[in-house]
């Protein structure tokens, strides 16, 4: 009997421990750890209860549940090509890439049923409206303008859904095949035109450079001739000046020599006359003395020796002086 009571006691305790263990496991299973860049939308009894951010949280059993897990990181979605018609009635295919980020998890969860489908359709309609106002050439060359416009419109439209559209990029613009062929021909013609223009400009610049080279060559040649003539004239001028200086110095020397010669002759004659007067010489002596006087004069520095014509009557003049002296 005691054994049956003990067995029944152990059985009750075991059931209790098992029940406690089950309750603990159940409670632990209701703990939620929210990772980074995630937001949990929690509902209590089917109504919105709160937004759980990063960290551990506890779900009340039978009351709370996680309705949605929302990523708040920036996301990228690539939509398939959409047919659009330009202002000049050209149909083309354009595919877009949308960069967006969820800023309000509650609005994102309860604001719209299928947000990605809504963004795709909204992107397509907005793109058609923008492209419909542009012609083909403007569409191909105005990607930045189209991106800016569509980004602003999508951001404004998706704001009530808790979505922030950061930017929209046109990935590909595919016009019809015949348009592509025409564009390729146009590009080829444009390249050929540019090539001809570049060749013509190159030839023009080449001719200009050649003409400028010839011009500079002629100028340099003329300058060289001018300098040569100037130097030649300067040389002739210096030569004439030197010749004139030489002639002038020669004349000065001749005049100086003539003056010295005359002075020496006069002095010699005067000395001879004095001596003759003192010695009372005869005609032969007077002639001899005259010749000695001229010899002294010729022995000077004079370059010319001028013999006065009066020397011919020197002897006669000396004889007359002699007679006058005797009479006195």
C-alpha atoms as a PDB file:
ATOM      1  CA  UNK A   1       0.000   0.000   0.000  1.00  0.00           C
ATOM      2  CA  UNK A   2       2.849   2.362   0.918  1.00  0.00           C
ATOM      3  CA  UNK A   3       4.525   1.538  -2.382  1.00  0.00           C
ATOM      4  CA  UNK A   4       1.435   2.365  -4.349  1.00  0.00           C
ATOM      5  CA  UNK A   5       1.122   5.702  -2.547  1.00  0.00           C
ATOM      6  CA  UNK A   6       4.817   6.479  -3.250  1.00  0.00           C
ATOM      7  CA  UNK A   7       4.415   5.538  -6.900  1.00  0.00           C
ATOM      8  CA  UNK A   8       1.367   7.729  -7.188  1.00  0.00           C
ATOM      9  CA  UNK A   9       3.276  10.618  -5.516  1.00  0.00           C
ATOM     10  CA  UNK A  10       6.177  10.353  -7.911  1.00  0.00           C
ATOM     11  CA  UNK A  11       3.772  10.212 -10.843  1.00  0.00           C
ATOM     12  CA  UNK A  12       2.060  13.448  -9.843  1.00  0.00           C
ATOM     13  CA  UNK A  13       5.394  15.209  -9.336  1.00  0.00           C
ATOM     14  CA  UNK A  14       6.615  13.990 -12.690  1.00  0.00           C
ATOM     15  CA  UNK A  15       3.536  15.234 -14.468  1.00  0.00           C
ATOM     16  CA  UNK A  16       3.926  18.583 -12.721  1.00  0.00           C
ATOM     17  CA  UNK A  17       7.563  18.915 -13.759  1.00  0.00           C
ATOM     18  CA  UNK A  18       6.692  17.985 -17.298  1.00  0.00           C
ATOM     19  CA  UNK A  19       3.916  20.563 -17.316  1.00  0.00           C
ATOM     20  CA  UNK A  20       6.293  23.244 -15.960  1.00  0.00           C
ATOM     21  CA  UNK A  21       8.889  22.307 -18.545  1.00  0.00           C
ATOM     22  CA  UNK A  22       6.322  22.567 -21.309  1.00  0.00           C
ATOM     23  CA  UNK A  23       5.197  25.956 -20.028  1.00  0.00           C
ATOM     24  CA  UNK A  24       8.780  27.224 -19.869  1.00  0.00           C
ATOM     25  CA  UNK A  25       9.512  26.042 -23.402  1.00  0.00           C
ATOM     26  CA  UNK A  26       6.298  27.651 -24.609  1.00  0.00           C
ATOM     27  CA  UNK A  27       7.152  30.950 -22.927  1.00  0.00           C
ATOM     28  CA  UNK A  28      10.696  30.884 -24.289  1.00  0.00           C
ATOM     29  CA  UNK A  29       9.297  30.253 -27.745  1.00  0.00           C
ATOM     30  CA  UNK A  30       7.275  33.459 -27.422  1.00  0.00           C
ATOM     31  CA  UNK A  31      10.446  35.543 -27.112  1.00  0.00           C
ATOM     32  CA  UNK A  32      11.387  37.337 -30.329  1.00  0.00           C
ATOM     33  CA  UNK A  33      14.762  38.941 -31.061  1.00  0.00           C
ATOM     34  CA  UNK A  34      14.493  41.603 -33.769  1.00  0.00           C
ATOM     35  CA  UNK A  35      17.673  41.839 -35.902  1.00  0.00           C
ATOM     36  CA  UNK A  36      19.271  45.051 -37.173  1.00  0.00           C
ATOM     37  CA  UNK A  37      17.481  46.928 -40.005  1.00  0.00           C
ATOM     38  CA  UNK A  38      14.247  45.002 -39.341  1.00  0.00           C
ATOM     39  CA  UNK A  39      10.923  46.109 -37.891  1.00  0.00           C
ATOM     40  CA  UNK A  40       8.262  43.725 -36.568  1.00  0.00           C
ATOM     41  CA  UNK A  41       4.620  44.712 -36.862  1.00  0.00           C
ATOM     42  CA  UNK A  42       2.792  43.197 -33.856  1.00  0.00           C
ATOM     43  CA  UNK A  43      -0.971  42.760 -33.640  1.00  0.00           C
ATOM     44  CA  UNK A  44      -2.930  42.013 -30.491  1.00  0.00           C
ATOM     45  CA  UNK A  45      -6.260  40.348 -30.962  1.00  0.00           C
ATOM     46  CA  UNK A  46      -6.134  41.258 -34.639  1.00  0.00           C
ATOM     47  CA  UNK A  47      -5.476  44.969 -34.127  1.00  0.00           C
ATOM     48  CA  UNK A  48      -2.205  46.874 -34.539  1.00  0.00           C
ATOM     49  CA  UNK A  49      -0.320  46.825 -31.255  1.00  0.00           C
ATOM     50  CA  UNK A  50       3.143  48.214 -32.002  1.00  0.00           C
ATOM     51  CA  UNK A  51       6.397  48.258 -33.965  1.00  0.00           C
ATOM     52  CA  UNK A  52       9.283  46.348 -32.537  1.00  0.00           C
ATOM     53  CA  UNK A  53      12.752  47.591 -33.345  1.00  0.00           C
ATOM     54  CA  UNK A  54      16.140  45.916 -32.813  1.00  0.00           C
ATOM     55  CA  UNK A  55      16.373  43.840 -29.609  1.00  0.00           C
ATOM     56  CA  UNK A  56      14.492  41.130 -27.634  1.00  0.00           C
ATOM     57  CA  UNK A  57      10.706  41.261 -27.247  1.00  0.00           C
ATOM     58  CA  UNK A  58       8.031  39.013 -25.747  1.00  0.00           C
ATOM     59  CA  UNK A  59       4.787  37.968 -27.387  1.00  0.00           C
ATOM     60  CA  UNK A  60       1.858  37.531 -25.048  1.00  0.00           C
ATOM     61  CA  UNK A  61       0.599  34.014 -25.607  1.00  0.00           C
ATOM     62  CA  UNK A  62      -2.685  33.681 -27.426  1.00  0.00           C
ATOM     63  CA  UNK A  63      -2.978  37.484 -27.716  1.00  0.00           C
ATOM     64  CA  UNK A  64      -0.036  38.830 -29.752  1.00  0.00           C
ATOM     65  CA  UNK A  65       1.316  37.800 -33.111  1.00  0.00           C
ATOM     66  CA  UNK A  66       3.874  39.131 -35.579  1.00  0.00           C
ATOM     67  CA  UNK A  67       1.792  40.347 -38.511  1.00  0.00           C
ATOM     68  CA  UNK A  68       4.716  41.374 -40.759  1.00  0.00           C
ATOM     69  CA  UNK A  69       8.487  41.648 -40.792  1.00  0.00           C
ATOM     70  CA  UNK A  70       9.577  44.785 -42.638  1.00  0.00           C
ATOM     71  CA  UNK A  71      13.123  45.577 -43.856  1.00  0.00           C
ATOM     72  CA  UNK A  72      14.043  49.236 -43.600  1.00  0.00           C
ATOM     73  CA  UNK A  73      17.175  48.912 -45.770  1.00  0.00           C
ATOM     74  CA  UNK A  74      17.251  50.531 -49.214  1.00  0.00           C
ATOM     75  CA  UNK A  75      15.925  48.138 -51.799  1.00  0.00           C
ATOM     76  CA  UNK A  76      16.237  47.867 -55.555  1.00  0.00           C
ATOM     77  CA  UNK A  77      13.592  46.538 -57.880  1.00  0.00           C
ATOM     78  CA  UNK A  78      14.060  46.083 -61.631  1.00  0.00           C
ATOM     79  CA  UNK A  79      10.823  46.268 -63.597  1.00  0.00           C
ATOM     80  CA  UNK A  80      10.368  44.653 -66.973  1.00  0.00           C
ATOM     81  CA  UNK A  81      10.342  46.872 -70.109  1.00  0.00           C
ATOM     82  CA  UNK A  82       7.222  48.975 -70.595  1.00  0.00           C
ATOM     83  CA  UNK A  83       5.940  50.128 -74.018  1.00  0.00           C
ATOM     84  CA  UNK A  84       5.721  53.907 -74.296  1.00  0.00           C
ATOM     85  CA  UNK A  85       4.863  56.287 -77.146  1.00  0.00           C
ATOM     86  CA  UNK A  86       6.736  59.518 -77.751  1.00  0.00           C
ATOM     87  CA  UNK A  87       5.256  62.803 -78.874  1.00  0.00           C
ATOM     88  CA  UNK A  88       6.174  62.050 -82.498  1.00  0.00           C
ATOM     89  CA  UNK A  89       4.371  58.663 -82.332  1.00  0.00           C
ATOM     90  CA  UNK A  90       7.388  56.376 -81.952  1.00  0.00           C
ATOM     91  CA  UNK A  91       6.778  53.291 -79.813  1.00  0.00           C
ATOM     92  CA  UNK A  92       9.729  52.118 -77.733  1.00  0.00           C
ATOM     93  CA  UNK A  93      10.464  49.819 -74.829  1.00  0.00           C
ATOM     94  CA  UNK A  94      11.841  51.294 -71.601  1.00  0.00           C
ATOM     95  CA  UNK A  95      12.758  49.339 -68.481  1.00  0.00           C
ATOM     96  CA  UNK A  96      13.330  51.107 -65.189  1.00  0.00           C
ATOM     97  CA  UNK A  97      15.168  50.471 -61.950  1.00  0.00           C
ATOM     98  CA  UNK A  98      13.640  51.903 -58.762  1.00  0.00           C
ATOM     99  CA  UNK A  99      15.621  52.500 -55.564  1.00  0.00           C
ATOM    100  CA  UNK A 100      13.344  52.867 -52.543  1.00  0.00           C
ATOM    101  CA  UNK A 101      13.349  52.565 -48.766  1.00  0.00           C
ATOM    102  CA  UNK A 102      10.546  51.858 -46.266  1.00  0.00           C
ATOM    103  CA  UNK A 103      10.378  54.698 -43.763  1.00  0.00           C
ATOM    104  CA  UNK A 104       7.083  53.831 -42.017  1.00  0.00           C
ATOM    105  CA  UNK A 105       6.539  50.115 -41.408  1.00  0.00           C
ATOM    106  CA  UNK A 106       2.959  50.607 -40.198  1.00  0.00           C
ATOM    107  CA  UNK A 107       1.918  52.543 -43.309  1.00  0.00           C
ATOM    108  CA  UNK A 108       3.733  50.054 -45.498  1.00  0.00           C
ATOM    109  CA  UNK A 109       1.844  47.171 -43.839  1.00  0.00           C
ATOM    110  CA  UNK A 110      -1.625  48.686 -43.703  1.00  0.00           C
ATOM    111  CA  UNK A 111      -1.477  51.387 -46.356  1.00  0.00           C
ATOM    112  CA  UNK A 112      -1.469  49.221 -49.489  1.00  0.00           C
ATOM    113  CA  UNK A 113      -2.058  45.565 -50.279  1.00  0.00           C
ATOM    114  CA  UNK A 114       0.624  44.873 -52.910  1.00  0.00           C
ATOM    115  CA  UNK A 115       3.179  47.696 -52.720  1.00  0.00           C
ATOM    116  CA  UNK A 116       5.606  46.333 -55.365  1.00  0.00           C
ATOM    117  CA  UNK A 117       2.840  45.891 -57.934  1.00  0.00           C
ATOM    118  CA  UNK A 118       1.577  49.365 -57.092  1.00  0.00           C
ATOM    119  CA  UNK A 119       5.051  50.874 -57.572  1.00  0.00           C
ATOM    120  CA  UNK A 120       5.492  49.044 -60.867  1.00  0.00           C
ATOM    121  CA  UNK A 121       2.165  50.229 -62.274  1.00  0.00           C
ATOM    122  CA  UNK A 122       2.710  53.725 -60.975  1.00  0.00           C
ATOM    123  CA  UNK A 123       6.178  53.804 -62.573  1.00  0.00           C
ATOM    124  CA  UNK A 124       4.787  52.662 -65.925  1.00  0.00           C
ATOM    125  CA  UNK A 125       1.979  55.235 -66.000  1.00  0.00           C
ATOM    126  CA  UNK A 126       4.250  58.061 -64.859  1.00  0.00           C
ATOM    127  CA  UNK A 127       6.828  57.099 -67.464  1.00  0.00           C
ATOM    128  CA  UNK A 128       4.219  57.107 -70.224  1.00  0.00           C
ATOM    129  CA  UNK A 129       3.040  60.572 -69.187  1.00  0.00           C
ATOM    130  CA  UNK A 130       6.575  61.982 -69.215  1.00  0.00           C
ATOM    131  CA  UNK A 131       7.678  60.328 -72.471  1.00  0.00           C
ATOM    132  CA  UNK A 132       4.427  61.367 -74.177  1.00  0.00           C
ATOM    133  CA  UNK A 133       5.524  64.998 -73.843  1.00  0.00           C
ATOM    134  CA  UNK A 134       8.941  64.408 -75.466  1.00  0.00           C
ATOM    135  CA  UNK A 135      10.037  63.575 -78.988  1.00  0.00           C
ATOM    136  CA  UNK A 136      12.339  60.684 -79.822  1.00  0.00           C
ATOM    137  CA  UNK A 137      15.568  62.697 -79.923  1.00  0.00           C
ATOM    138  CA  UNK A 138      14.730  64.452 -76.643  1.00  0.00           C
ATOM    139  CA  UNK A 139      13.901  61.107 -75.028  1.00  0.00           C
ATOM    140  CA  UNK A 140      17.259  59.652 -76.004  1.00  0.00           C
ATOM    141  CA  UNK A 141      19.231  62.667 -74.783  1.00  0.00           C
ATOM    142  CA  UNK A 142      17.256  63.657 -71.669  1.00  0.00           C
ATOM    143  CA  UNK A 143      17.653  60.720 -69.317  1.00  0.00           C
ATOM    144  CA  UNK A 144      18.628  62.899 -66.378  1.00  0.00           C
ATOM    145  CA  UNK A 145      15.529  65.060 -66.807  1.00  0.00           C
ATOM    146  CA  UNK A 146      13.263  61.994 -67.079  1.00  0.00           C
ATOM    147  CA  UNK A 147      14.879  60.387 -64.022  1.00  0.00           C
ATOM    148  CA  UNK A 148      14.421  63.536 -61.947  1.00  0.00           C
ATOM    149  CA  UNK A 149      10.777  63.985 -62.930  1.00  0.00           C
ATOM    150  CA  UNK A 150       9.743  60.366 -62.395  1.00  0.00           C
ATOM    151  CA  UNK A 151      11.582  60.220 -59.048  1.00  0.00           C
ATOM    152  CA  UNK A 152       9.756  63.304 -57.764  1.00  0.00           C
ATOM    153  CA  UNK A 153       6.342  62.030 -58.896  1.00  0.00           C
ATOM    154  CA  UNK A 154       6.840  58.505 -57.484  1.00  0.00           C
ATOM    155  CA  UNK A 155       8.150  59.819 -54.169  1.00  0.00           C
ATOM    156  CA  UNK A 156       5.106  62.023 -53.787  1.00  0.00           C
ATOM    157  CA  UNK A 157       2.692  59.210 -54.730  1.00  0.00           C
ATOM    158  CA  UNK A 158       4.270  56.579 -52.444  1.00  0.00           C
ATOM    159  CA  UNK A 159       4.622  58.806 -49.391  1.00  0.00           C
ATOM    160  CA  UNK A 160       1.225  57.697 -47.901  1.00  0.00           C
ATOM    161  CA  UNK A 161       2.426  54.086 -48.154  1.00  0.00           C
ATOM    162  CA  UNK A 162       5.488  54.720 -45.973  1.00  0.00           C
ATOM    163  CA  UNK A 163       7.837  54.352 -48.947  1.00  0.00           C
ATOM    164  CA  UNK A 164      10.595  56.798 -49.848  1.00  0.00           C
ATOM    165  CA  UNK A 165      11.657  56.646 -53.518  1.00  0.00           C
ATOM    166  CA  UNK A 166      15.291  57.732 -53.599  1.00  0.00           C
ATOM    167  CA  UNK A 167      15.851  57.620 -57.350  1.00  0.00           C
ATOM    168  CA  UNK A 168      14.638  56.051 -60.576  1.00  0.00           C
ATOM    169  CA  UNK A 169      16.975  55.142 -63.432  1.00  0.00           C
ATOM    170  CA  UNK A 170      16.095  54.347 -67.043  1.00  0.00           C
ATOM    171  CA  UNK A 171      18.025  51.144 -67.607  1.00  0.00           C
ATOM    172  CA  UNK A 172      17.388  50.640 -71.330  1.00  0.00           C
ATOM    173  CA  UNK A 173      15.641  52.581 -74.073  1.00  0.00           C
ATOM    174  CA  UNK A 174      14.887  50.334 -77.038  1.00  0.00           C
ATOM    175  CA  UNK A 175      13.354  52.062 -80.082  1.00  0.00           C
ATOM    176  CA  UNK A 176      11.930  50.002 -83.004  1.00  0.00           C
ATOM    177  CA  UNK A 177      14.370  48.212 -85.284  1.00  0.00           C
ATOM    178  CA  UNK A 178      13.746  50.499 -88.244  1.00  0.00           C
ATOM    179  CA  UNK A 179      14.376  53.502 -86.031  1.00  0.00           C
ATOM    180  CA  UNK A 180      17.620  51.929 -84.854  1.00  0.00           C
ATOM    181  CA  UNK A 181      18.693  51.359 -88.444  1.00  0.00           C
ATOM    182  CA  UNK A 182      17.864  54.956 -89.346  1.00  0.00           C
ATOM    183  CA  UNK A 183      19.770  56.190 -86.301  1.00  0.00           C
ATOM    184  CA  UNK A 184      22.769  54.077 -87.222  1.00  0.00           C
ATOM    185  CA  UNK A 185      22.764  55.514 -90.752  1.00  0.00           C
ATOM    186  CA  UNK A 186      22.399  59.003 -89.333  1.00  0.00           C
ATOM    187  CA  UNK A 187      25.269  58.414 -86.928  1.00  0.00           C
ATOM    188  CA  UNK A 188      27.404  57.062 -89.780  1.00  0.00           C
ATOM    189  CA  UNK A 189      26.618  60.092 -91.929  1.00  0.00           C
ATOM    190  CA  UNK A 190      27.364  62.373 -88.990  1.00  0.00           C
ATOM    191  CA  UNK A 191      30.701  60.657 -88.400  1.00  0.00           C
ATOM    192  CA  UNK A 192      31.607  61.004 -92.083  1.00  0.00           C
ATOM    193  CA  UNK A 193      30.633  64.671 -92.011  1.00  0.00           C
ATOM    194  CA  UNK A 194      32.755  65.264 -88.922  1.00  0.00           C
ATOM    195  CA  UNK A 195      35.634  63.405 -90.525  1.00  0.00           C
ATOM    196  CA  UNK A 196      35.458  65.615 -93.623  1.00  0.00           C
ATOM    197  CA  UNK A 197      35.219  68.716 -91.466  1.00  0.00           C
ATOM    198  CA  UNK A 198      38.247  67.626 -89.471  1.00  0.00           C
ATOM    199  CA  UNK A 199      40.177  66.904 -92.660  1.00  0.00           C
ATOM    200  CA  UNK A 200      39.239  70.287 -94.106  1.00  0.00           C
ATOM    201  CA  UNK A 201      40.200  72.027 -90.879  1.00  0.00           C
ATOM    202  CA  UNK A 202      43.481  70.106 -90.841  1.00  0.00           C
ATOM    203  CA  UNK A 203      44.279  71.148 -94.421  1.00  0.00           C
ATOM    204  CA  UNK A 204      43.279  74.720 -93.639  1.00  0.00           C
ATOM    205  CA  UNK A 205      45.530  74.838 -90.587  1.00  0.00           C
ATOM    206  CA  UNK A 206      48.332  73.219 -92.585  1.00  0.00           C
ATOM    207  CA  UNK A 207      48.060  75.859 -95.329  1.00  0.00           C
ATOM    208  CA  UNK A 208      47.897  78.611 -92.730  1.00  0.00           C
ATOM    209  CA  UNK A 209      51.006  77.280 -91.023  1.00  0.00           C
ATOM    210  CA  UNK A 210      52.828  77.026 -94.362  1.00  0.00           C
ATOM    211  CA  UNK A 211      51.817  80.592 -95.297  1.00  0.00           C
ATOM    212  CA  UNK A 212      52.841  81.865 -91.876  1.00  0.00           C
ATOM    213  CA  UNK A 213      56.147  80.037 -92.218  1.00  0.00           C
ATOM    214  CA  UNK A 214      56.803  81.616 -95.612  1.00  0.00           C
ATOM    215  CA  UNK A 215      55.785  85.003 -94.256  1.00  0.00           C
ATOM    216  CA  UNK A 216      58.098  84.697 -91.272  1.00  0.00           C
ATOM    217  CA  UNK A 217      60.872  83.456 -93.562  1.00  0.00           C
ATOM    218  CA  UNK A 218      60.496  86.508 -95.824  1.00  0.00           C
ATOM    219  CA  UNK A 219      60.377  88.816 -92.830  1.00  0.00           C
ATOM    220  CA  UNK A 220      63.499  87.264 -91.373  1.00  0.00           C
ATOM    221  CA  UNK A 221      65.228  87.440 -94.738  1.00  0.00           C
ATOM    222  CA  UNK A 222      64.274  91.107 -95.129  1.00  0.00           C
ATOM    223  CA  UNK A 223      65.447  91.803 -91.600  1.00  0.00           C
ATOM    224  CA  UNK A 224      68.722  90.060 -92.329  1.00  0.00           C
ATOM    225  CA  UNK A 225      69.212  92.096 -95.525  1.00  0.00           C
ATOM    226  CA  UNK A 226      68.317  95.257 -93.653  1.00  0.00           C
ATOM    227  CA  UNK A 227      70.817  94.490 -90.914  1.00  0.00           C
ATOM    228  CA  UNK A 228      73.426  93.638 -93.546  1.00  0.00           C
ATOM    229  CA  UNK A 229      72.851  96.955 -95.344  1.00  0.00           C
ATOM    230  CA  UNK A 230      72.969  98.818 -92.032  1.00  0.00           C
ATOM    231  CA  UNK A 231      76.207  97.129 -91.065  1.00  0.00           C
ATOM    232  CA  UNK A 232      77.638  97.767 -94.518  1.00  0.00           C
ATOM    233  CA  UNK A 233      76.683 101.459 -94.356  1.00  0.00           C
ATOM    234  CA  UNK A 234      78.129 101.688 -90.849  1.00  0.00           C
ATOM    235  CA  UNK A 235      81.362 100.127 -92.090  1.00  0.00           C
ATOM    236  CA  UNK A 236      81.561 102.533 -95.056  1.00  0.00           C
ATOM    237  CA  UNK A 237      80.807 105.424 -92.720  1.00  0.00           C
ATOM    238  CA  UNK A 238      83.570 104.376 -90.346  1.00  0.00           C
ATOM    239  CA  UNK A 239      85.952 103.925 -93.272  1.00  0.00           C
ATOM    240  CA  UNK A 240      85.175 107.425 -94.616  1.00  0.00           C
ATOM    241  CA  UNK A 241      85.613 108.883 -91.144  1.00  0.00           C
ATOM    242  CA  UNK A 242      88.963 107.139 -90.736  1.00  0.00           C
ATOM    243  CA  UNK A 243      90.073 108.275 -94.206  1.00  0.00           C
ATOM    244  CA  UNK A 244      89.029 111.860 -93.450  1.00  0.00           C
ATOM    245  CA  UNK A 245      90.830 111.725 -90.107  1.00  0.00           C
ATOM    246  CA  UNK A 246      93.951 110.386 -91.822  1.00  0.00           C
ATOM    247  CA  UNK A 247      93.825 113.105 -94.515  1.00  0.00           C
ATOM    248  CA  UNK A 248      93.213 115.769 -91.890  1.00  0.00           C
ATOM    249  CA  UNK A 249      96.092 114.541 -89.730  1.00  0.00           C
ATOM    250  CA  UNK A 250      98.327 114.355 -92.820  1.00  0.00           C
ATOM    251  CA  UNK A 251      97.471 117.945 -93.757  1.00  0.00           C
ATOM    252  CA  UNK A 252      98.046 119.085 -90.186  1.00  0.00           C
ATOM    253  CA  UNK A 253     101.417 117.361 -90.178  1.00  0.00           C
ATOM    254  CA  UNK A 254     102.337 118.878 -93.570  1.00  0.00           C
ATOM    255  CA  UNK A 255     101.268 122.345 -92.455  1.00  0.00           C
ATOM    256  CA  UNK A 256     103.180 121.936 -89.225  1.00  0.00           C
ATOM    257  CA  UNK A 257     106.243 120.737 -91.136  1.00  0.00           C
ATOM    258  CA  UNK A 258     106.023 123.644 -93.563  1.00  0.00           C
ATOM    259  CA  UNK A 259     105.755 126.127 -90.716  1.00  0.00           C
ATOM    260  CA  UNK A 260     108.683 124.524 -88.909  1.00  0.00           C
ATOM    261  CA  UNK A 261     110.708 124.490 -92.127  1.00  0.00           C
ATOM    262  CA  UNK A 262     110.038 128.172 -92.829  1.00  0.00           C
ATOM    263  CA  UNK A 263     110.842 129.063 -89.229  1.00  0.00           C
ATOM    264  CA  UNK A 264     114.083 127.092 -89.336  1.00  0.00           C
ATOM    265  CA  UNK A 265     115.090 128.610 -92.687  1.00  0.00           C
ATOM    266  CA  UNK A 266     114.358 132.101 -91.433  1.00  0.00           C
ATOM    267  CA  UNK A 267     116.333 131.449 -88.246  1.00  0.00           C
ATOM    268  CA  UNK A 268     119.208 129.954 -90.194  1.00  0.00           C
ATOM    269  CA  UNK A 269     119.245 132.881 -92.600  1.00  0.00           C
ATOM    270  CA  UNK A 270     119.187 135.347 -89.758  1.00  0.00           C
ATOM    271  CA  UNK A 271     122.080 133.583 -88.039  1.00  0.00           C
ATOM    272  CA  UNK A 272     123.994 133.437 -91.280  1.00  0.00           C
ATOM    273  CA  UNK A 273     123.441 137.107 -91.965  1.00  0.00           C
ATOM    274  CA  UNK A 274     124.639 138.013 -88.487  1.00  0.00           C
ATOM    275  CA  UNK A 275     127.713 135.870 -88.845  1.00  0.00           C
ATOM    276  CA  UNK A 276     128.358 137.199 -92.328  1.00  0.00           C
ATOM    277  CA  UNK A 277     128.102 140.695 -91.068  1.00  0.00           C
ATOM    278  CA  UNK A 278     130.613 139.914 -88.385  1.00  0.00           C
ATOM    279  CA  UNK A 279     133.058 138.015 -90.640  1.00  0.00           C
ATOM    280  CA  UNK A 280     132.691 140.069 -93.831  1.00  0.00           C
ATOM    281  CA  UNK A 281     132.564 136.989 -96.067  1.00  0.00           C
ATOM    282  CA  UNK A 282     132.803 136.979 -99.828  1.00  0.00           C
ATOM    283  CA  UNK A 283     130.171 135.688-102.239  1.00  0.00           C
ATOM    284  CA  UNK A 284     131.413 132.127-102.189  1.00  0.00           C
ATOM    285  CA  UNK A 285     131.268 131.940 -98.435  1.00  0.00           C
ATOM    286  CA  UNK A 286     127.744 133.351 -98.420  1.00  0.00           C
ATOM    287  CA  UNK A 287     126.600 130.679-100.837  1.00  0.00           C
ATOM    288  CA  UNK A 288     128.248 127.976 -98.756  1.00  0.00           C
ATOM    289  CA  UNK A 289     126.623 129.212 -95.563  1.00  0.00           C
ATOM    290  CA  UNK A 290     123.260 129.339 -97.283  1.00  0.00           C
ATOM    291  CA  UNK A 291     123.604 125.724 -98.289  1.00  0.00           C
ATOM    292  CA  UNK A 292     124.606 124.774 -94.738  1.00  0.00           C
ATOM    293  CA  UNK A 293     121.547 126.583 -93.399  1.00  0.00           C
ATOM    294  CA  UNK A 294     119.311 124.654 -95.793  1.00  0.00           C
ATOM    295  CA  UNK A 295     121.036 121.444 -94.769  1.00  0.00           C
ATOM    296  CA  UNK A 296     120.182 122.154 -91.133  1.00  0.00           C
ATOM    297  CA  UNK A 297     116.647 122.960 -92.070  1.00  0.00           C
ATOM    298  CA  UNK A 298     116.350 119.764 -94.067  1.00  0.00           C
ATOM    299  CA  UNK A 299     117.693 117.799 -91.124  1.00  0.00           C
ATOM    300  CA  UNK A 300     114.654 118.817 -88.983  1.00  0.00           C
ATOM    301  CA  UNK A 301     111.297 117.111 -88.475  1.00  0.00           C
ATOM    302  CA  UNK A 302     109.583 118.860 -91.359  1.00  0.00           C
ATOM    303  CA  UNK A 303     108.035 116.569 -93.969  1.00  0.00           C
ATOM    304  CA  UNK A 304     108.465 119.207 -96.683  1.00  0.00           C
ATOM    305  CA  UNK A 305     111.272 121.625 -97.388  1.00  0.00           C
ATOM    306  CA  UNK A 306     110.336 124.813 -99.206  1.00  0.00           C
ATOM    307  CA  UNK A 307     113.236 126.747-100.704  1.00  0.00           C
ATOM    308  CA  UNK A 308     112.331 130.421-101.041  1.00  0.00           C
ATOM    309  CA  UNK A 309     112.929 131.991-104.413  1.00  0.00           C
ATOM    310  CA  UNK A 310     114.786 134.801-102.680  1.00  0.00           C
ATOM    311  CA  UNK A 311     117.642 132.367-101.961  1.00  0.00           C
ATOM    312  CA  UNK A 312     118.794 132.924-105.527  1.00  0.00           C
ATOM    313  CA  UNK A 313     119.628 136.521-104.744  1.00  0.00           C
ATOM    314  CA  UNK A 314     120.987 135.686-101.323  1.00  0.00           C
ATOM    315  CA  UNK A 315     124.572 136.149-102.387  1.00  0.00           C
ATOM    316  CA  UNK A 316     123.820 139.459-104.020  1.00  0.00           C
ATOM    317  CA  UNK A 317     121.964 140.650-100.935  1.00  0.00           C
ATOM    318  CA  UNK A 318     124.868 139.575 -98.752  1.00  0.00           C
ATOM    319  CA  UNK A 319     127.328 141.467-100.989  1.00  0.00           C
ATOM    320  CA  UNK A 320     125.252 144.588-100.778  1.00  0.00           C
ATOM    321  CA  UNK A 321     125.151 144.255 -96.999  1.00  0.00           C
ATOM    322  CA  UNK A 322     128.881 143.890 -97.005  1.00  0.00           C
ATOM    323  CA  UNK A 323     129.416 147.127 -99.009  1.00  0.00           C
ATOM    324  CA  UNK A 324     127.002 148.990 -96.770  1.00  0.00           C
ATOM    325  CA  UNK A 325     128.830 147.796 -93.689  1.00  0.00           C
ATOM    326  CA  UNK A 326     132.164 148.785 -95.134  1.00  0.00           C
ATOM    327  CA  UNK A 327     130.952 152.237 -95.959  1.00  0.00           C
ATOM    328  CA  UNK A 328     129.612 152.625 -92.449  1.00  0.00           C
END
